[in-house]
C-alpha atoms as a PDB file:
ATOM      1  CA  MET A   1      97.475  98.964  93.180  1.00  0.00           C
ATOM      2  CA  LYS A   2      96.866 102.716  93.179  1.00  0.00           C
ATOM      3  CA  ARG A   3      99.393 104.908  94.966  1.00  0.00           C
ATOM      4  CA  GLY A   4      96.864 106.075  97.553  1.00  0.00           C
ATOM      5  CA  LEU A   5      95.873 102.504  98.299  1.00  0.00           C
ATOM      6  CA  LEU A   6      99.504 101.473  98.637  1.00  0.00           C
ATOM      7  CA  TYR A   7      99.825 104.215 101.243  1.00  0.00           C
ATOM      8  CA  CYS A   8      96.765 102.792 103.003  1.00  0.00           C
ATOM      9  CA  ALA A   9      98.291  99.321 102.858  1.00  0.00           C
ATOM     10  CA  VAL A  10     101.410 100.564 104.610  1.00  0.00           C
ATOM     11  CA  LEU A  11      99.235 102.340 107.176  1.00  0.00           C
ATOM     12  CA  ALA A  12      97.277  99.129 107.681  1.00  0.00           C
ATOM     13  CA  LEU A  13     100.471  97.386 108.766  1.00  0.00           C
ATOM     14  CA  VAL A  14     100.327  99.338 111.985  1.00  0.00           C
ATOM     15  CA  ALA A  15      96.575  99.629 112.266  1.00  0.00           C
ATOM     16  CA  GLY A  16      96.680  96.896 114.874  1.00  0.00           C
ATOM     17  CA  SER A  17      98.772  99.214 117.039  1.00  0.00           C
ATOM     18  CA  LEU A  18      95.975 100.187 119.351  1.00  0.00           C
ATOM     19  CA  PRO A  19      96.373  99.847 123.116  1.00  0.00           C
ATOM     20  CA  PRO A  20      95.513  96.703 125.034  1.00  0.00           C
ATOM     21  CA  ILE A  21      94.191  96.891 128.521  1.00  0.00           C
ATOM     22  CA  GLY A  22      94.809  94.602 131.448  1.00  0.00           C
ATOM     23  CA  ARG A  23      92.419  92.759 133.676  1.00  0.00           C
ATOM     24  CA  THR A  24      91.371  94.693 136.743  1.00  0.00           C
ATOM     25  CA  GLN A  25      92.136  91.926 139.137  1.00  0.00           C
ATOM     26  CA  ALA A  26      94.141  91.194 142.219  1.00  0.00           C
ATOM     27  CA  ALA A  27      97.289  89.428 141.092  1.00  0.00           C
ATOM     28  CA  ALA A  28     100.757  88.849 142.426  1.00  0.00           C
ATOM     29  CA  THR A  29     103.147  91.585 141.346  1.00  0.00           C
ATOM     30  CA  PRO A  30     105.518  90.178 138.707  1.00  0.00           C
ATOM     31  CA  GLU A  31     109.099  89.843 139.878  1.00  0.00           C
ATOM     32  CA  ASN A  32     110.981  90.129 136.579  1.00  0.00           C
ATOM     33  CA  ALA A  33     110.673  91.674 133.127  1.00  0.00           C
ATOM     34  CA  ARG A  34     109.474  88.487 131.468  1.00  0.00           C
ATOM     35  CA  GLN A  35     106.660  88.098 133.993  1.00  0.00           C
ATOM     36  CA  TRP A  36     105.580  91.689 133.411  1.00  0.00           C
ATOM     37  CA  LEU A  37     105.382  91.073 129.662  1.00  0.00           C
ATOM     38  CA  GLU A  38     103.460  87.846 130.225  1.00  0.00           C
ATOM     39  CA  ARG A  39     101.022  89.820 132.358  1.00  0.00           C
ATOM     40  CA  MET A  40     100.613  92.354 129.565  1.00  0.00           C
ATOM     41  CA  LEU A  41     100.000  89.579 127.041  1.00  0.00           C
ATOM     42  CA  ASP A  42      97.393  87.962 129.268  1.00  0.00           C
ATOM     43  CA  SER A  43      95.478  91.232 129.545  1.00  0.00           C
ATOM     44  CA  THR A  44      95.251  92.198 125.878  1.00  0.00           C
ATOM     45  CA  GLN A  45      91.804  90.846 125.035  1.00  0.00           C
ATOM     46  CA  THR A  46      89.680  91.350 128.118  1.00  0.00           C
ATOM     47  CA  LEU A  47      88.562  94.870 128.939  1.00  0.00           C
ATOM     48  CA  ASN A  48      86.896  97.834 127.242  1.00  0.00           C
ATOM     49  CA  TYR A  49      88.160 101.403 127.353  1.00  0.00           C
ATOM     50  CA  GLU A  50      88.319 104.813 125.726  1.00  0.00           C
ATOM     51  CA  GLY A  51      91.288 107.118 125.901  1.00  0.00           C
ATOM     52  CA  THR A  52      93.430 109.831 124.377  1.00  0.00           C
ATOM     53  CA  PHE A  53      97.122 109.486 123.733  1.00  0.00           C
ATOM     54  CA  ILE A  54      99.899 111.600 122.274  1.00  0.00           C
ATOM     55  CA  TYR A  55     101.876 110.150 119.382  1.00  0.00           C
ATOM     56  CA  VAL A  56     105.345 111.581 118.662  1.00  0.00           C
ATOM     57  CA  GLN A  57     107.505 110.861 115.599  1.00  0.00           C
ATOM     58  CA  GLY A  58     110.573 113.106 115.646  1.00  0.00           C
ATOM     59  CA  PRO A  59     109.228 116.688 115.323  1.00  0.00           C
ATOM     60  CA  HIS A  60     105.713 115.435 114.494  1.00  0.00           C
ATOM     61  CA  VAL A  61     103.232 115.439 117.386  1.00  0.00           C
ATOM     62  CA  GLU A  62      99.680 114.180 117.068  1.00  0.00           C
ATOM     63  CA  ALA A  63      96.771 113.549 119.416  1.00  0.00           C
ATOM     64  CA  MET A  64      94.697 110.423 118.851  1.00  0.00           C
ATOM     65  CA  ARG A  65      91.469 109.089 120.316  1.00  0.00           C
ATOM     66  CA  VAL A  66      91.125 105.331 120.716  1.00  0.00           C
ATOM     67  CA  ILE A  67      88.153 103.111 121.531  1.00  0.00           C
ATOM     68  CA  HIS A  68      88.862  99.468 122.326  1.00  0.00           C
ATOM     69  CA  GLY A  69      86.480  96.602 122.922  1.00  0.00           C
ATOM     70  CA  GLY A  70      87.547  93.208 124.189  1.00  0.00           C
ATOM     71  CA  GLY A  71      85.825  89.996 125.096  1.00  0.00           C
ATOM     72  CA  PRO A  72      85.184  86.415 123.965  1.00  0.00           C
ATOM     73  CA  GLU A  73      84.282  87.543 120.430  1.00  0.00           C
ATOM     74  CA  GLY A  74      87.702  89.148 120.007  1.00  0.00           C
ATOM     75  CA  GLU A  75      89.053  92.676 119.828  1.00  0.00           C
ATOM     76  CA  ARG A  76      87.579  95.655 118.030  1.00  0.00           C
ATOM     77  CA  GLN A  77      89.256  99.020 117.924  1.00  0.00           C
ATOM     78  CA  ARG A  78      88.853 102.462 116.452  1.00  0.00           C
ATOM     79  CA  LEU A  79      91.512 105.135 116.076  1.00  0.00           C
ATOM     80  CA  VAL A  80      90.590 108.751 115.247  1.00  0.00           C
ATOM     81  CA  SER A  81      93.025 111.613 114.647  1.00  0.00           C
ATOM     82  CA  LEU A  82      92.332 114.739 116.705  1.00  0.00           C
ATOM     83  CA  SER A  83      94.785 116.946 114.795  1.00  0.00           C
ATOM     84  CA  GLY A  84      95.821 117.375 111.170  1.00  0.00           C
ATOM     85  CA  PRO A  85      93.803 115.883 108.282  1.00  0.00           C
ATOM     86  CA  PRO A  86      90.827 113.765 109.393  1.00  0.00           C
ATOM     87  CA  ARG A  87      91.790 110.102 109.467  1.00  0.00           C
ATOM     88  CA  GLU A  88      90.242 107.005 110.981  1.00  0.00           C
ATOM     89  CA  VAL A  89      91.203 103.355 111.207  1.00  0.00           C
ATOM     90  CA  VAL A  90      88.735 100.694 112.340  1.00  0.00           C
ATOM     91  CA  VAL A  91      89.771  97.103 113.064  1.00  0.00           C
ATOM     92  CA  ALA A  92      86.800  94.732 113.377  1.00  0.00           C
ATOM     93  CA  ASN A  93      85.882  91.252 112.170  1.00  0.00           C
ATOM     94  CA  ASN A  94      89.518  90.752 111.141  1.00  0.00           C
ATOM     95  CA  ASN A  95      89.250  93.635 108.645  1.00  0.00           C
ATOM     96  CA  VAL A  96      91.134  96.926 108.624  1.00  0.00           C
ATOM     97  CA  ILE A  97      89.207  99.929 107.279  1.00  0.00           C
ATOM     98  CA  CYS A  98      91.400 102.911 106.454  1.00  0.00           C
ATOM     99  CA  LEU A  99      89.802 106.312 105.846  1.00  0.00           C
ATOM    100  CA  LEU A 100      91.796 109.205 104.434  1.00  0.00           C
ATOM    101  CA  PRO A 101      90.317 112.438 103.085  1.00  0.00           C
ATOM    102  CA  LYS A 102      88.195 111.505 100.021  1.00  0.00           C
ATOM    103  CA  GLN A 103      89.382 107.892 100.025  1.00  0.00           C
ATOM    104  CA  GLN A 104      88.565 104.726 101.912  1.00  0.00           C
ATOM    105  CA  ALA A 105      89.862 101.186 101.584  1.00  0.00           C
ATOM    106  CA  THR A 106      89.121  97.916 103.338  1.00  0.00           C
ATOM    107  CA  PHE A 107      91.811  95.293 103.859  1.00  0.00           C
ATOM    108  CA  ALA A 108      90.692  91.767 104.708  1.00  0.00           C
ATOM    109  CA  GLY A 109      92.597  90.062 107.480  1.00  0.00           C
ATOM    110  CA  GLY A 110      95.006  87.278 106.800  1.00  0.00           C
ATOM    111  CA  ASP A 111      96.608  84.453 108.711  1.00  0.00           C
ATOM    112  CA  TYR A 112      99.320  86.730 110.076  1.00  0.00           C
ATOM    113  CA  ARG A 113      98.128  89.631 112.175  1.00  0.00           C
ATOM    114  CA  ARG A 114     100.018  91.965 114.456  1.00  0.00           C
ATOM    115  CA  SER A 115      99.112  91.832 118.116  1.00  0.00           C
ATOM    116  CA  PRO A 116      97.900  95.065 119.717  1.00  0.00           C
ATOM    117  CA  PHE A 117      99.720  98.147 120.991  1.00  0.00           C
ATOM    118  CA  PRO A 118     102.420  98.872 121.610  1.00  0.00           C
ATOM    119  CA  LEU A 119     104.245  96.040 119.902  1.00  0.00           C
ATOM    120  CA  SER A 120     103.903  92.528 118.561  1.00  0.00           C
ATOM    121  CA  LEU A 121     104.943  89.885 121.054  1.00  0.00           C
ATOM    122  CA  PRO A 122     104.985  86.123 120.558  1.00  0.00           C
ATOM    123  CA  ARG A 123     103.043  84.124 123.107  1.00  0.00           C
ATOM    124  CA  GLU A 124     106.239  82.164 123.688  1.00  0.00           C
ATOM    125  CA  LEU A 125     108.651  84.796 124.970  1.00  0.00           C
ATOM    126  CA  GLY A 126     111.581  82.406 124.735  1.00  0.00           C
ATOM    127  CA  ARG A 127     111.668  83.113 121.006  1.00  0.00           C
ATOM    128  CA  LEU A 128     111.933  86.826 121.746  1.00  0.00           C
ATOM    129  CA  GLU A 129     114.792  86.383 124.205  1.00  0.00           C
ATOM    130  CA  SER A 130     116.953  84.824 121.493  1.00  0.00           C
ATOM    131  CA  HIS A 131     117.393  88.280 119.962  1.00  0.00           C
ATOM    132  CA  TYR A 132     116.353  90.693 122.735  1.00  0.00           C
ATOM    133  CA  GLU A 133     117.318  91.175 126.372  1.00  0.00           C
ATOM    134  CA  LEU A 134     114.512  91.919 128.849  1.00  0.00           C
ATOM    135  CA  GLN A 135     115.279  94.254 131.744  1.00  0.00           C
ATOM    136  CA  MET A 136     113.541  95.940 134.694  1.00  0.00           C
ATOM    137  CA  LEU A 137     114.275  99.690 134.792  1.00  0.00           C
ATOM    138  CA  GLY A 138     112.483 100.810 137.935  1.00  0.00           C
ATOM    139  CA  GLU A 139     109.243 102.699 138.525  1.00  0.00           C
ATOM    140  CA  ASP A 140     107.700 105.906 137.149  1.00  0.00           C
ATOM    141  CA  ARG A 141     104.325 107.639 136.800  1.00  0.00           C
ATOM    142  CA  VAL A 142     102.256 108.111 133.634  1.00  0.00           C
ATOM    143  CA  ALA A 143      98.840 109.812 133.432  1.00  0.00           C
ATOM    144  CA  GLY A 144      98.817 109.919 137.223  1.00  0.00           C
ATOM    145  CA  LEU A 145      99.278 106.146 137.526  1.00  0.00           C
ATOM    146  CA  ASP A 146     102.175 104.187 138.999  1.00  0.00           C
ATOM    147  CA  ALA A 147     104.071 102.338 136.295  1.00  0.00           C
ATOM    148  CA  GLN A 148     106.763  99.679 136.037  1.00  0.00           C
ATOM    149  CA  VAL A 149     109.334 100.435 133.325  1.00  0.00           C
ATOM    150  CA  ILE A 150     110.503  97.504 131.185  1.00  0.00           C
ATOM    151  CA  ALA A 151     113.250  97.519 128.549  1.00  0.00           C
ATOM    152  CA  ILE A 152     113.436  95.239 125.506  1.00  0.00           C
ATOM    153  CA  LYS A 153     116.993  95.623 124.210  1.00  0.00           C
ATOM    154  CA  PRO A 154     118.163  94.148 120.890  1.00  0.00           C
ATOM    155  CA  ARG A 155     121.194  91.866 121.009  1.00  0.00           C
ATOM    156  CA  ASP A 156     122.419  93.073 117.584  1.00  0.00           C
ATOM    157  CA  ALA A 157     122.137  96.064 115.234  1.00  0.00           C
ATOM    158  CA  TRP A 158     119.413  94.596 112.977  1.00  0.00           C
ATOM    159  CA  ARG A 159     116.466  95.630 115.162  1.00  0.00           C
ATOM    160  CA  PHE A 160     115.129  98.435 117.325  1.00  0.00           C
ATOM    161  CA  GLY A 161     114.515  98.298 121.066  1.00  0.00           C
ATOM    162  CA  TYR A 162     111.539  99.255 123.215  1.00  0.00           C
ATOM    163  CA  ARG A 163     110.876 100.838 126.577  1.00  0.00           C
ATOM    164  CA  LEU A 164     107.462 100.201 128.126  1.00  0.00           C
ATOM    165  CA  TRP A 165     105.632 101.776 131.063  1.00  0.00           C
ATOM    166  CA  LEU A 166     103.112  99.240 132.426  1.00  0.00           C
ATOM    167  CA  ASP A 167     100.394 100.048 134.959  1.00  0.00           C
ATOM    168  CA  ARG A 168     101.422  98.359 138.189  1.00  0.00           C
ATOM    169  CA  ARG A 169      97.817  97.457 138.976  1.00  0.00           C
ATOM    170  CA  ASN A 170      96.896  95.552 135.844  1.00  0.00           C
ATOM    171  CA  GLY A 171      99.744  95.507 133.306  1.00  0.00           C
ATOM    172  CA  LEU A 172      98.198  98.141 131.033  1.00  0.00           C
ATOM    173  CA  ALA A 173     100.712  99.718 128.645  1.00  0.00           C
ATOM    174  CA  LEU A 174     100.494 103.408 129.545  1.00  0.00           C
ATOM    175  CA  ARG A 175     103.426 104.547 127.448  1.00  0.00           C
ATOM    176  CA  SER A 176     105.917 103.151 124.953  1.00  0.00           C
ATOM    177  CA  ALA A 177     109.089 104.368 123.282  1.00  0.00           C
ATOM    178  CA  LEU A 178     110.735 102.798 120.244  1.00  0.00           C
ATOM    179  CA  LEU A 179     114.515 103.292 120.371  1.00  0.00           C
ATOM    180  CA  ASP A 180     116.933 103.394 117.435  1.00  0.00           C
ATOM    181  CA  GLU A 181     120.415 101.887 117.201  1.00  0.00           C
ATOM    182  CA  ARG A 182     121.818 104.683 119.407  1.00  0.00           C
ATOM    183  CA  GLY A 183     119.128 104.245 122.045  1.00  0.00           C
ATOM    184  CA  GLN A 184     117.353 107.453 121.011  1.00  0.00           C
ATOM    185  CA  PRO A 185     113.528 107.521 120.803  1.00  0.00           C
ATOM    186  CA  VAL A 186     112.184 107.637 117.236  1.00  0.00           C
ATOM    187  CA  GLU A 187     108.553 107.031 118.155  1.00  0.00           C
ATOM    188  CA  GLN A 188     106.650 107.512 121.417  1.00  0.00           C
ATOM    189  CA  LEU A 189     103.062 107.015 122.557  1.00  0.00           C
ATOM    190  CA  MET A 190     101.680 108.107 125.917  1.00  0.00           C
ATOM    191  CA  PHE A 191      98.191 108.154 127.367  1.00  0.00           C
ATOM    192  CA  THR A 192      96.949 111.461 128.753  1.00  0.00           C
ATOM    193  CA  ASP A 193      93.572 110.106 129.854  1.00  0.00           C
ATOM    194  CA  LEU A 194      91.975 106.695 130.018  1.00  0.00           C
ATOM    195  CA  GLN A 195      88.575 105.422 131.155  1.00  0.00           C
ATOM    196  CA  LEU A 196      87.667 101.784 131.713  1.00  0.00           C
ATOM    197  CA  LYS A 197      84.188 100.835 130.474  1.00  0.00           C
ATOM    198  CA  SER A 198      81.858  97.993 131.388  1.00  0.00           C
ATOM    199  CA  ARG A 199      80.953  97.726 127.696  1.00  0.00           C
ATOM    200  CA  ILE A 200      81.392  99.574 124.393  1.00  0.00           C
ATOM    201  CA  ASP A 201      78.393 100.002 122.104  1.00  0.00           C
ATOM    202  CA  ASP A 202      78.668  98.224 118.751  1.00  0.00           C
ATOM    203  CA  ALA A 203      78.048 101.522 116.950  1.00  0.00           C
ATOM    204  CA  ALA A 204      81.474 102.708 118.090  1.00  0.00           C
ATOM    205  CA  PHE A 205      83.060 100.252 115.669  1.00  0.00           C
ATOM    206  CA  ALA A 206      80.879 100.922 112.622  1.00  0.00           C
ATOM    207  CA  ALA A 207      82.778 101.533 109.396  1.00  0.00           C
ATOM    208  CA  PRO A 208      83.638 105.221 108.966  1.00  0.00           C
ATOM    209  CA  ALA A 209      81.731 107.071 106.231  1.00  0.00           C
ATOM    210  CA  LEU A 210      83.340 109.243 103.583  1.00  0.00           C
ATOM    211  CA  ALA A 211      82.676 112.954 103.560  1.00  0.00           C
ATOM    212  CA  PRO A 212      79.627 113.824 101.369  1.00  0.00           C
ATOM    213  CA  GLU A 213      81.688 115.656  98.745  1.00  0.00           C
ATOM    214  CA  SER A 214      83.788 112.549  98.101  1.00  0.00           C
ATOM    215  CA  ALA A 215      80.842 110.295  97.253  1.00  0.00           C
ATOM    216  CA  ALA A 216      79.279 109.977  93.837  1.00  0.00           C
ATOM    217  CA  PRO A 217      75.953 111.828  93.345  1.00  0.00           C
ATOM    218  CA  GLY A 218      73.041 109.707  94.496  1.00  0.00           C
ATOM    219  CA  ALA A 219      75.303 106.988  95.857  1.00  0.00           C
ATOM    220  CA  GLY A 220      75.635 105.630  99.374  1.00  0.00           C
ATOM    221  CA  PRO A 221      78.309 106.803 101.792  1.00  0.00           C
ATOM    222  CA  ASN A 222      80.715 104.014 100.835  1.00  0.00           C
ATOM    223  CA  ALA A 223      80.353 104.295  97.056  1.00  0.00           C
ATOM    224  CA  ASN A 224      84.008 105.241  96.651  1.00  0.00           C
ATOM    225  CA  SER A 225      85.263 102.667  99.139  1.00  0.00           C
ATOM    226  CA  PRO A 226      87.285 100.030  97.282  1.00  0.00           C
ATOM    227  CA  ARG A 227      87.641  96.755  99.096  1.00  0.00           C
ATOM    228  CA  MET A 228      90.992  95.060  98.938  1.00  0.00           C
ATOM    229  CA  PRO A 229      90.192  91.343  99.046  1.00  0.00           C
ATOM    230  CA  LYS A 230      92.048  88.916 101.193  1.00  0.00           C
ATOM    231  CA  GLY A 231      95.235  88.123  99.377  1.00  0.00           C
ATOM    232  CA  GLU A 232      95.594  84.867  97.508  1.00  0.00           C
ATOM    233  CA  VAL A 233      98.291  82.811  99.199  1.00  0.00           C
ATOM    234  CA  VAL A 234     101.324  82.605  96.934  1.00  0.00           C
ATOM    235  CA  THR A 235     102.815  79.137  96.538  1.00  0.00           C
ATOM    236  CA  GLN A 236     104.843  79.862  93.406  1.00  0.00           C
ATOM    237  CA  SER A 237     106.541  83.203  92.810  1.00  0.00           C
ATOM    238  CA  ALA A 238     109.183  84.733  90.586  1.00  0.00           C
ATOM    239  CA  TRP A 239     110.451  86.696  93.585  1.00  0.00           C
ATOM    240  CA  ARG A 240     113.074  85.454  96.035  1.00  0.00           C
ATOM    241  CA  VAL A 241     114.544  87.019  99.164  1.00  0.00           C
ATOM    242  CA  GLU A 242     117.856  85.251  99.330  1.00  0.00           C
ATOM    243  CA  GLN A 243     119.207  86.470 102.681  1.00  0.00           C
ATOM    244  CA  LEU A 244     117.491  87.681 105.856  1.00  0.00           C
ATOM    245  CA  PRO A 245     119.025  89.071 109.044  1.00  0.00           C
ATOM    246  CA  GLU A 246     119.299  86.364 111.696  1.00  0.00           C
ATOM    247  CA  GLY A 247     116.031  85.687 113.492  1.00  0.00           C
ATOM    248  CA  PHE A 248     113.704  86.937 110.744  1.00  0.00           C
ATOM    249  CA  ALA A 249     111.430  84.455 108.999  1.00  0.00           C
ATOM    250  CA  GLU A 250     108.647  84.671 106.409  1.00  0.00           C
ATOM    251  CA  VAL A 251     105.197  84.628 108.007  1.00  0.00           C
ATOM    252  CA  SER A 252     102.998  85.351 104.978  1.00  0.00           C
ATOM    253  CA  HIS A 253     103.164  85.764 101.203  1.00  0.00           C
ATOM    254  CA  ASN A 254     100.025  86.931  99.401  1.00  0.00           C
ATOM    255  CA  ARG A 255      99.033  88.337  96.024  1.00  0.00           C
ATOM    256  CA  PHE A 256      96.175  90.792  95.480  1.00  0.00           C
ATOM    257  CA  ALA A 257      94.961  93.172  92.779  1.00  0.00           C
ATOM    258  CA  GLU A 258      92.352  95.819  92.113  1.00  0.00           C
ATOM    259  CA  ALA A 259      88.926  94.692  90.932  1.00  0.00           C
ATOM    260  CA  SER A 260      89.974  95.609  87.382  1.00  0.00           C
ATOM    261  CA  GLY A 261      92.895  93.212  87.617  1.00  0.00           C
ATOM    262  CA  ARG A 262      95.398  96.068  87.288  1.00  0.00           C
ATOM    263  CA  HIS A 263      98.349  96.606  89.595  1.00  0.00           C
ATOM    264  CA  PRO A 264      98.799  93.011  90.815  1.00  0.00           C
ATOM    265  CA  THR A 265     100.855  93.211  93.982  1.00  0.00           C
ATOM    266  CA  GLU A 266     102.716  90.607  96.006  1.00  0.00           C
ATOM    267  CA  HIS A 267     103.086  91.269  99.719  1.00  0.00           C
ATOM    268  CA  ILE A 268     105.610  89.323 101.802  1.00  0.00           C
ATOM    269  CA  VAL A 269     105.840  89.755 105.581  1.00  0.00           C
ATOM    270  CA  PHE A 270     108.896  88.861 107.647  1.00  0.00           C
ATOM    271  CA  ALA A 271     109.086  88.981 111.450  1.00  0.00           C
ATOM    272  CA  ASP A 272     111.393  88.082 114.309  1.00  0.00           C
ATOM    273  CA  GLY A 273     108.655  87.949 116.937  1.00  0.00           C
ATOM    274  CA  LEU A 274     108.774  91.699 117.563  1.00  0.00           C
ATOM    275  CA  ALA A 275     109.948  93.585 114.472  1.00  0.00           C
ATOM    276  CA  THR A 276     107.847  93.261 111.294  1.00  0.00           C
ATOM    277  CA  ILE A 277     109.064  94.058 107.775  1.00  0.00           C
ATOM    278  CA  SER A 278     106.913  94.086 104.634  1.00  0.00           C
ATOM    279  CA  VAL A 279     108.006  93.710 101.019  1.00  0.00           C
ATOM    280  CA  PHE A 280     105.647  95.045  98.321  1.00  0.00           C
ATOM    281  CA  LEU A 281     106.250  93.935  94.716  1.00  0.00           C
ATOM    282  CA  GLU A 282     104.097  95.738  92.162  1.00  0.00           C
ATOM    283  CA  ARG A 283     104.230  95.922  88.364  1.00  0.00           C
ATOM    284  CA  LEU A 284     104.564  99.595  87.351  1.00  0.00           C
ATOM    285  CA  GLU A 285     102.668  99.291  84.058  1.00  0.00           C
ATOM    286  CA  GLY A 286     104.163 102.555  82.760  1.00  0.00           C
ATOM    287  CA  GLU A 287     103.667 104.545  85.964  1.00  0.00           C
ATOM    288  CA  SER A 288     106.462 106.310  87.812  1.00  0.00           C
ATOM    289  CA  PRO A 289     107.912 104.447  90.798  1.00  0.00           C
ATOM    290  CA  LEU A 290     106.627 105.456  94.202  1.00  0.00           C
ATOM    291  CA  LEU A 291     110.094 105.383  95.798  1.00  0.00           C
ATOM    292  CA  GLN A 292     113.679 104.881  94.714  1.00  0.00           C
ATOM    293  CA  GLY A 293     116.287 104.894  97.450  1.00  0.00           C
ATOM    294  CA  SER A 294     115.758 105.251 101.169  1.00  0.00           C
ATOM    295  CA  SER A 295     113.117 107.118 103.141  1.00  0.00           C
ATOM    296  CA  GLN A 296     112.259 107.421 106.828  1.00  0.00           C
ATOM    297  CA  LEU A 297     109.186 108.538 108.740  1.00  0.00           C
ATOM    298  CA  GLY A 298     109.730 108.229 112.475  1.00  0.00           C
ATOM    299  CA  SER A 299     110.228 104.547 113.236  1.00  0.00           C
ATOM    300  CA  MET A 300     109.347 103.417 109.706  1.00  0.00           C
ATOM    301  CA  ASN A 301     112.276 102.939 107.368  1.00  0.00           C
ATOM    302  CA  ALA A 302     111.672 102.213 103.698  1.00  0.00           C
ATOM    303  CA  PHE A 303     113.813 101.391 100.699  1.00  0.00           C
ATOM    304  CA  GLY A 304     112.531 101.353  97.140  1.00  0.00           C
ATOM    305  CA  MET A 305     113.959 100.301  93.799  1.00  0.00           C
ATOM    306  CA  VAL A 306     112.831  99.153  90.369  1.00  0.00           C
ATOM    307  CA  ILE A 307     113.531  95.592  89.192  1.00  0.00           C
ATOM    308  CA  ASN A 308     112.355  94.359  85.793  1.00  0.00           C
ATOM    309  CA  GLY A 309     109.560  96.925  85.566  1.00  0.00           C
ATOM    310  CA  HIS A 310     108.355  96.381  89.138  1.00  0.00           C
ATOM    311  CA  GLN A 311     108.320  98.700  92.113  1.00  0.00           C
ATOM    312  CA  VAL A 312     110.069  96.917  94.974  1.00  0.00           C
ATOM    313  CA  LEU A 313     109.305  98.520  98.339  1.00  0.00           C
ATOM    314  CA  VAL A 314     110.630  97.278 101.681  1.00  0.00           C
ATOM    315  CA  VAL A 315     109.036  98.898 104.749  1.00  0.00           C
ATOM    316  CA  GLY A 316     109.380  98.173 108.439  1.00  0.00           C
ATOM    317  CA  GLU A 317     109.972  99.337 111.978  1.00  0.00           C
ATOM    318  CA  ALA A 318     113.641  98.414 111.806  1.00  0.00           C
ATOM    319  CA  PRO A 319     116.976 100.156 111.203  1.00  0.00           C
ATOM    320  CA  ALA A 320     117.633 101.453 107.697  1.00  0.00           C
ATOM    321  CA  ALA A 321     120.447  98.912 107.301  1.00  0.00           C
ATOM    322  CA  THR A 322     117.974  96.077 107.901  1.00  0.00           C
ATOM    323  CA  VAL A 323     115.467  97.090 105.209  1.00  0.00           C
ATOM    324  CA  GLN A 324     118.315  97.850 102.790  1.00  0.00           C
ATOM    325  CA  ARG A 325     119.871  94.442 103.390  1.00  0.00           C
ATOM    326  CA  ILE A 326     116.576  92.732 102.635  1.00  0.00           C
ATOM    327  CA  ALA A 327     116.047  94.904  99.542  1.00  0.00           C
ATOM    328  CA  ALA A 328     119.542  94.078  98.259  1.00  0.00           C
ATOM    329  CA  SER A 329     118.843  90.340  98.533  1.00  0.00           C
ATOM    330  CA  ILE A 330     115.614  90.402  96.468  1.00  0.00           C
ATOM    331  CA  GLN A 331     115.927  88.608  93.138  1.00  0.00           C
ATOM    332  CA  TYR A 332     113.527  88.249  90.225  1.00  0.00           C
ATOM    333  CA  GLN A 333     113.506  84.800  88.596  1.00  0.00           C
ATOM    334  CA  PRO A 334     110.711  84.712  85.968  1.00  0.00           C
ATOM    335  CA  GLU A 335     110.986  80.986  85.334  1.00  0.00           C
ATOM    336  CA  ALA A 336     110.371  80.236  89.015  1.00  0.00           C
ATOM    337  CA  GLY A 337     106.968  81.939  88.872  1.00  0.00           C
ATOM    338  CA  LYS A 338     105.614  79.838  86.000  1.00  0.00           C
ATOM    339  CA  PRO A 339     103.279  76.898  86.725  1.00  0.00           C
END
């Protein structure tokens, strides 16, 4: 898998992080934190909207435009950067299309898919409460709207916590903050404007086109747009993750490769109902490793190493100690991967 596409794959992990919107309906005001989260879950696939939000990762500040369509056919969403290099992500028909300058890739959806902004929540919140405490933190205002503040606090040091500002009228997530082990924000999103729509035109979710200079002469706009096929489910692998932090479980294990057959990559996803951690296992084939050691970008911690000629990359919205613990427990057993 080419280095640029691996970057897109990591970006695609959070491409589902686009804001849900609640039903505009008269409903009893929830009385506790769990009821507020249930209200948010119930409202994630119903309404259409457009809005602008500010995204903050440490010193990095970015403005993003989002278009979201809901309904019986499912969710469709488009995210466009308003600052920095032009970037777009479109999620439609269970595909994620990632556009970077002069490069585009399509990732087919799989059985495991993150729920929308601002975090993944299981439909059964009892699973979440095994490892997180839910709390009411009072009221506030965001984008001129009254909001109820909810805290999701981890019960141990293996995961991050959240603070959510939910519209008191309909449960819409107006703002979110991801908090590190010390309770300090490492990532924040906040709407600055939001408009509900009766409908969103289908054209709003069309695949983004590459800039003309990035396309081959005489070719169509997507000539340089490699499509990453849906991964083949792995039932037999030489790779083992021997020890996971309590509460984490494997939710998918797939193998995919470029059309040429080069750079075969295994992708394993672990989750605890809220936090998601990915493990990428890619044969280097003489290329330099993408990462050795630890790295952090806002809420995303990563740890890379080389095992038996493979790049091993663990990435997730979790403390550095969590991704390092998972990386340290990865073992390569060639005999186990043979038919």
